Structures are given as C-alpha cells and as structure tokens.
C-alpha cells in the first residue's frame, strides 16, 4: 500500500508499507531528515488521499 507523510519542513515522502502500523513507523523514520511528521495518508494507485491516519 502507498502512504504519504507530511513534515514540519513542508516536505513530503511517499512510500510503501504493508499495513498502517508499518506506515507509522516508516513516517517516524523520516523525521530525522524532515522534522516532526504531522500528517500521514493512505493513497490509492492514482496517489489520491483516501484515508488519514494522523
């Protein structure tokens, strides 16, 4: 599944994860590079946001 994380430095990362829990852990790993994650979305195959996790 595709996820998009948005960060305090106004950057975003799109990445694959097997489930929501893995996506949350993945978003937190990007915090070293981008600062605090403040949005995490599940995306469809067209990169549309279909669910907000946080």
Protein backbone atom coordinates (compact mmCIF):
# COMPACT_ATOMS: atom_id res chain seq x y z
CA UNK A 1 0.00 0.00 0.00
CA UNK A 2 1.14 3.56 -0.68
CA UNK A 3 1.37 6.19 2.04
CA UNK A 4 2.22 9.89 2.09
CA UNK A 5 3.77 11.56 5.12
CA UNK A 6 3.94 15.35 5.50
CA UNK A 7 6.51 17.01 7.75
CA UNK A 8 7.18 20.27 9.57
CA UNK A 9 9.76 21.34 6.97
CA UNK A 10 6.90 21.34 4.41
CA UNK A 11 8.35 18.29 2.64
CA UNK A 12 6.54 15.03 1.97
CA UNK A 13 7.58 11.44 1.42
CA UNK A 14 5.61 8.79 -0.47
CA UNK A 15 6.50 5.24 0.46
CA UNK A 16 5.23 1.65 0.51
CA UNK A 17 4.22 -0.20 3.66
CA UNK A 18 2.38 -3.47 4.25
CA UNK A 19 -0.06 -2.02 6.82
CA UNK A 20 -0.89 1.09 8.84
CA UNK A 21 1.41 0.20 11.74
CA UNK A 22 4.39 -0.21 9.41
CA UNK A 23 3.48 3.10 7.72
CA UNK A 24 3.52 4.94 11.05
CA UNK A 25 6.95 3.51 11.86
CA UNK A 26 8.13 4.45 8.35
CA UNK A 27 6.92 8.03 8.73
CA UNK A 28 8.76 8.38 12.05
CA UNK A 29 11.99 7.21 10.40
CA UNK A 30 11.83 10.19 8.02
CA UNK A 31 11.64 12.61 10.98
CA UNK A 32 15.45 12.64 11.28
CA UNK A 33 15.58 14.22 7.83
CA UNK A 34 12.42 16.36 7.82
CA UNK A 35 11.39 17.08 11.41
CA UNK A 36 8.09 16.11 13.00
CA UNK A 37 5.56 14.20 10.91
CA UNK A 38 2.15 15.83 11.21
CA UNK A 39 0.06 14.08 8.53
CA UNK A 40 0.04 10.51 7.27
CA UNK A 41 -2.30 9.44 4.48
CA UNK A 42 -3.14 6.18 2.75
CA UNK A 43 -3.08 6.73 -1.04
CA UNK A 44 -4.77 4.92 -3.89
CA UNK A 45 -2.96 3.90 -7.09
CA UNK A 46 -3.57 7.40 -8.53
CA UNK A 47 -1.92 8.99 -5.47
CA UNK A 48 -5.24 10.37 -4.19
CA UNK A 49 -5.58 10.56 -0.40
CA UNK A 50 -8.20 8.03 0.68
CA UNK A 51 -7.65 7.80 4.45
CA UNK A 52 -5.91 9.99 7.01
CA UNK A 53 -4.07 8.05 9.71
CA UNK A 54 -2.91 11.13 11.64
